Protein backbone atom coordinates (compact mmCIF):
# COMPACT_ATOMS: atom_id res chain seq x y z
CA MET A 1 126.41 3.91 19.95
CA SER A 2 128.89 5.08 17.32
CA ASN A 3 132.53 4.94 17.71
CA GLN A 4 133.62 7.97 15.91
CA HIS A 5 135.42 10.16 17.95
CA ASN A 6 136.59 13.61 16.26
CA CYS A 7 139.03 15.29 18.54
CA GLU A 8 138.76 18.77 16.81
CA ASN A 9 135.63 18.96 18.68
CA CYS A 10 137.20 18.03 22.24
CA PRO A 11 136.42 19.78 24.47
CA VAL A 12 134.04 22.37 22.04
CA HIS A 13 133.64 24.23 25.01
CA HIS A 14 134.89 28.04 24.60
CA LYS A 15 137.10 28.10 27.97
CA GLU A 16 137.53 32.03 27.51
CA ASN A 17 133.79 32.45 27.22
CA LEU A 18 133.10 30.70 30.38
CA ILE A 19 135.02 31.95 32.48
CA ARG A 20 133.79 35.51 31.18
CA LEU A 21 130.10 33.73 32.02
CA GLY A 22 131.79 33.56 35.72
CA ILE A 23 132.46 29.68 35.70
CA ALA A 24 135.67 28.89 37.36
CA MET A 25 137.49 26.68 34.90
CA ASP A 26 140.15 25.45 37.05
CA LYS A 27 140.64 21.21 37.08
CA VAL A 28 137.03 20.65 35.17
CA ASP A 29 137.05 18.61 31.85
CA TYR A 30 134.05 19.24 30.60
CA VAL A 31 130.87 21.69 31.22
CA ILE A 32 127.25 20.14 31.23
CA ALA A 33 124.18 22.71 30.67
CA LEU A 34 121.04 21.23 32.10
CA ALA A 35 117.82 22.73 30.36
CA GLY A 36 114.54 22.04 30.66
CA ASN A 37 111.15 23.21 30.57
CA PRO A 38 109.92 23.75 34.12
CA ASN A 39 108.37 20.59 36.42
CA THR A 40 110.09 18.12 34.34
CA GLY A 41 112.05 16.73 37.29
CA LYS A 42 115.28 18.66 36.36
CA SER A 43 116.22 19.92 39.45
CA THR A 44 116.07 15.78 41.09
CA VAL A 45 118.19 14.80 37.86
CA PHE A 46 120.32 17.54 39.37
CA ASN A 47 120.88 17.02 42.86
CA ASN A 48 121.20 12.76 41.59
CA LEU A 49 124.39 14.04 39.91
CA THR A 50 125.83 16.92 41.51
CA GLY A 51 125.04 14.82 45.19
CA LEU A 52 126.35 17.67 47.76
CA ARG A 53 129.06 18.91 45.61
CA GLN A 54 126.94 22.20 44.45
CA HIS A 55 126.24 25.82 45.18
CA THR A 56 123.64 28.46 44.32
CA GLY A 57 123.28 32.22 44.31
CA ASN A 58 121.67 34.66 41.71
CA TRP A 59 122.84 35.58 37.69
CA PRO A 60 123.72 39.56 38.54
CA GLY A 61 121.16 41.57 38.46
CA LYS A 62 119.02 39.61 38.05
CA THR A 63 116.40 37.51 41.15
CA VAL A 64 116.98 34.22 38.31
CA THR A 65 118.68 31.79 40.70
CA ARG A 66 121.64 29.84 39.31
CA ALA A 67 122.87 26.53 40.17
CA GLU A 68 126.09 24.95 39.67
CA GLY A 69 127.64 21.53 40.82
CA GLY A 70 130.07 19.08 39.89
CA PHE A 71 130.65 15.39 39.64
CA SER A 72 133.42 13.28 38.65
CA TYR A 73 133.05 9.99 36.14
CA ASN A 74 135.65 7.76 35.23
CA ASP A 75 138.17 10.21 35.93
CA LYS A 76 136.67 12.81 34.44
CA ARG A 77 135.70 16.17 36.19
CA TYR A 78 132.01 17.63 35.15
CA LYS A 79 130.80 20.96 35.99
CA VAL A 80 126.84 21.41 36.12
CA VAL A 81 125.19 24.37 35.15
CA ASP A 82 121.78 23.83 35.70
CA LEU A 83 119.85 26.38 33.39
CA PRO A 84 116.21 28.59 34.59
CA GLY A 85 113.68 26.16 33.84
CA THR A 86 111.79 27.64 30.43
CA TYR A 87 109.49 26.71 27.75
CA SER A 88 111.34 28.28 25.05
CA LEU A 89 114.21 29.91 24.27
CA LEU A 90 112.62 32.49 21.73
CA SER A 91 110.96 35.02 24.20
CA THR A 92 112.16 37.86 25.76
CA SER A 93 111.62 36.62 29.58
CA THR A 94 114.58 37.03 31.66
CA ASP A 95 114.90 32.98 32.21
CA GLU A 96 114.67 32.20 28.60
CA GLU A 97 117.15 34.52 27.80
CA VAL A 98 119.54 33.43 30.79
CA ALA A 99 118.77 29.64 29.12
CA ARG A 100 119.34 31.11 25.27
CA ASN A 101 122.98 32.91 26.03
CA PHE A 102 124.50 30.12 28.13
CA ILE A 103 123.84 27.12 25.25
CA LEU A 104 124.81 29.65 22.26
CA PHE A 105 127.79 31.74 24.13
CA GLY A 106 129.62 29.37 26.80
CA ARG A 107 128.70 26.49 24.27
CA PRO A 108 128.79 23.55 26.79
CA ASP A 109 130.14 20.24 26.38
CA VAL A 110 126.66 19.03 26.49
CA THR A 111 123.43 19.94 27.00
CA VAL A 112 121.39 17.34 29.17
CA ILE A 113 117.70 18.70 28.11
CA VAL A 114 115.01 16.70 30.65
CA ALA A 115 111.53 16.30 29.37
CA ASP A 116 108.11 15.13 31.10
CA ALA A 117 107.86 11.51 29.48
CA THR A 118 104.59 12.00 29.88
CA ARG A 119 103.97 15.59 28.37
CA LEU A 120 106.16 14.70 25.58
CA GLU A 121 104.71 16.38 22.12
CA ARG A 122 104.62 19.75 24.43
CA ASN A 123 108.53 19.42 25.79
CA LEU A 124 110.04 18.47 22.06
CA ASN A 125 109.09 22.47 21.03
CA LEU A 126 112.20 23.25 23.76
CA VAL A 127 114.40 20.11 22.77
CA LEU A 128 114.13 21.19 18.73
CA GLN A 129 115.18 24.57 19.46
CA ILE A 130 117.66 23.88 21.46
CA LEU A 131 118.71 21.19 18.46
CA GLU A 132 119.04 24.43 16.15
CA ILE A 133 121.61 25.97 18.21
CA THR A 134 123.46 23.15 19.77
CA ASP A 135 125.17 19.50 18.15
CA ARG A 136 125.94 18.41 21.58
CA ALA A 137 123.19 17.04 23.64
CA VAL A 138 121.17 14.78 25.38
CA LEU A 139 117.65 13.88 26.08
CA CYS A 140 116.97 12.24 29.50
CA LEU A 141 113.11 11.04 29.38
CA ASN A 142 112.32 11.62 32.78
CA LEU A 143 108.98 10.55 34.65
CA MET A 144 109.13 7.12 32.85
CA ASP A 145 107.53 5.62 35.73
CA GLU A 146 104.33 8.14 35.57
CA ALA A 147 104.32 7.49 31.81
CA LYS A 148 103.67 3.65 32.41
CA ARG A 149 101.31 4.52 35.21
CA ASN A 150 99.60 6.58 32.68
CA ASN A 151 99.78 3.49 29.55
CA ILE A 152 101.73 5.80 27.53
CA GLU A 153 104.52 4.09 25.74
CA ILE A 154 107.59 6.07 24.09
CA ASP A 155 110.12 4.10 21.18
CA GLU A 156 113.24 5.80 22.83
CA ARG A 157 115.42 4.32 19.94
CA THR A 158 113.19 5.45 16.90
CA LEU A 159 113.25 8.91 18.68
CA SER A 160 117.01 8.76 19.47
CA LYS A 161 117.38 7.83 15.75
CA GLU A 162 114.99 11.21 14.76
CA LEU A 163 116.13 13.66 16.89
CA GLY A 164 120.20 12.38 16.19
CA ILE A 165 120.96 12.85 19.73
CA PRO A 166 121.10 10.08 22.69
CA VAL A 167 117.60 9.05 24.57
CA ILE A 168 118.00 8.00 27.78
CA PRO A 169 114.58 6.56 29.58
CA ALA A 170 115.01 7.85 33.43
CA ALA A 171 112.81 7.91 36.93
CA ALA A 172 114.63 10.46 38.33
CA ARG A 173 112.59 10.13 41.79
CA GLN A 174 114.01 6.83 42.01
CA LYS A 175 117.17 7.56 40.54
CA GLU A 176 116.70 5.09 37.70
CA GLY A 177 118.41 5.79 34.57
CA MET A 178 120.90 7.66 36.16
CA MET A 179 123.87 5.58 35.44
CA GLU A 180 123.26 5.30 31.82
CA LEU A 181 122.62 8.98 31.75
CA LEU A 182 126.01 9.57 32.58
CA ALA A 183 127.50 7.03 30.43
CA ALA A 184 125.34 9.00 27.36
CA ILE A 185 126.94 12.55 28.63
CA GLU A 186 130.35 10.91 28.57
CA GLU A 187 129.87 9.59 24.92
CA VAL A 188 129.25 12.81 23.40
CA ALA A 189 131.55 15.07 25.92
CA SER A 190 134.09 13.10 24.70
CA GLY A 191 133.27 12.85 21.16
CA ARG A 192 132.45 8.76 20.94
CA TYR A 193 129.14 9.75 20.07
CA ILE A 194 128.71 12.33 17.50
CA CYS A 195 125.62 13.62 17.50
CA LYS A 196 123.40 14.41 14.14
CA PRO A 197 120.88 16.56 15.45
CA HIS A 198 117.19 17.21 13.42
CA ARG A 199 117.36 20.73 12.18
CA ILE A 200 114.88 22.50 10.05
CA LYS A 201 115.82 21.92 6.13
CA SER A 202 112.84 23.70 4.64
CA ARG A 203 113.27 27.41 4.75
CA SER A 204 113.27 29.72 1.01
CA ALA A 205 115.92 29.98 -0.56
CA LYS A 206 115.14 34.04 -0.32
CA LEU A 207 115.67 33.65 3.43
CA ASN A 208 118.61 31.43 3.29
CA HIS A 209 120.35 34.38 1.42
CA ALA A 210 118.95 37.13 3.93
CA ILE A 211 120.76 34.97 6.94
CA ASP A 212 123.73 34.61 4.74
CA SER A 213 124.09 37.78 3.71
CA LEU A 214 123.57 39.02 7.77
CA VAL A 215 125.81 36.06 9.02
CA GLY A 216 128.55 37.53 6.63
CA LYS A 217 128.20 41.62 7.93
CA LEU A 218 128.05 39.74 11.42
CA LYS A 219 131.43 38.12 10.80
CA GLN A 220 132.82 41.27 10.28
CA GLN A 221 131.61 42.91 13.64
CA PHE A 222 132.18 40.00 15.63
CA PRO A 223 134.93 37.71 15.00
CA GLY A 224 134.67 34.44 16.14
CA LEU A 225 131.41 34.50 17.57
CA PRO A 226 129.70 30.76 17.47
CA ASN A 227 126.42 29.90 16.25
CA LEU A 228 125.72 33.01 13.59
CA ASN A 229 123.31 31.27 11.73
CA TRP A 230 121.15 31.63 14.54
CA VAL A 231 121.61 35.14 15.59
CA ALA A 232 121.01 35.99 12.01
CA LEU A 233 117.24 33.78 11.94
CA ARG A 234 116.54 35.34 15.16
CA LEU A 235 117.46 39.00 14.08
CA LEU A 236 115.46 38.67 11.06
CA GLU A 237 112.43 37.84 13.16
CA GLY A 238 112.77 40.87 14.98
CA ASP A 239 113.78 39.59 18.29
CA GLN A 240 114.89 43.01 20.16
CA GLY A 241 116.89 41.53 22.64
CA MET A 242 119.33 40.35 19.98
CA ILE A 243 119.10 43.83 18.11
CA ASP A 244 119.89 45.57 21.06
CA ALA A 245 123.02 43.04 21.77
CA VAL A 246 124.31 43.90 18.10
CA ASN A 247 123.60 47.68 18.02
CA SER A 248 125.14 48.21 21.06
CA GLY A 249 128.15 45.97 20.10
CA GLU A 250 127.27 44.10 23.72
CA LEU A 251 126.93 40.86 21.61
CA GLY A 252 130.36 40.84 21.40
CA THR A 253 131.60 40.75 24.86
CA LEU A 254 128.92 38.40 25.79
CA SER A 255 126.84 40.53 27.16
CA PRO A 256 127.53 42.23 31.08
CA SER A 257 123.90 41.04 31.49
CA LEU A 258 124.92 36.86 30.96
CA ILE A 259 128.19 37.38 33.63
CA PRO A 260 126.73 35.85 37.02
CA SER A 261 128.18 37.09 39.92
CA ASP A 262 130.74 34.54 41.88
CA ILE A 263 129.02 31.84 43.72
C-alpha cells in the first residue's frame, strides 16, 4: 500500500455538513459510509464492524431506515452510517437519493462498498458510480466463500489496480476478511493510502465545455459545495431531483430531505 500521506485531506469530511445531516460529531475521528447493492451482506459487514454499538431510526419524512454505529480501532473512533442498499445512484428512488446525497454532500472519510463476489459484474455498476463522486473508497468483496463454491476466481490485486482503491476479499458471515477491511479503512481514512479511482475519461470536448460552464455558474450560486462536476453532469442529463434542488436553492442547504431525525 502507498505510504504517501496527504494531510490536506485528513480528515476530509465536512464537519458542518455532517452535523446538518444529523451526524453527531462529538468524539468521532472518522465517518464511514457503508454502501452496496441489496443482498450483498452489507448488514452483516455493518454488524461485524459495529457490534452492539448501533442504533436505528428513519430519515425524516421517509420510510427509509437509517442505521448508525461505531467502533474503535488503533485509538481512533469511527462512526459508520449504513446507507440504503441501491443498484445505482442515478435514478430518482428515495433510497438512491439518500445514499447519493450522503456520499456527495456528507463527504464521509471512507465509503466502504460491499459487493457480491458471485455477481461482481452487476455490482461494479454502483462501484464505478460511487468512484465518480468520491476518491476515498474501499471495496469489500463479500461472499467469497460462495464464489469459491461456484468456482468463481477473482484476481483482487488486478481489480484493485484497475479501480485505484483497496479491494478486500471477505466472507462476512464467517467474519473472514474483517481485520483486513479495518486495516484498509484506517489506511484510506488517515491518508496513508491515496486512492486514485477509475474515472470516465471519454467525454467529448463539447460535453466538457458544457460541464465547465455550468460549474462556473454553480460555484457562484453555491460557493463551497463539493463535487460540482458531478452535479453539473446530472443537471445536463436532466436529473429532475437535482434540477429542483438548484431551482429552489435547496442544494446550498443540503436540502431538508437529507437531514435525518435524531436517533
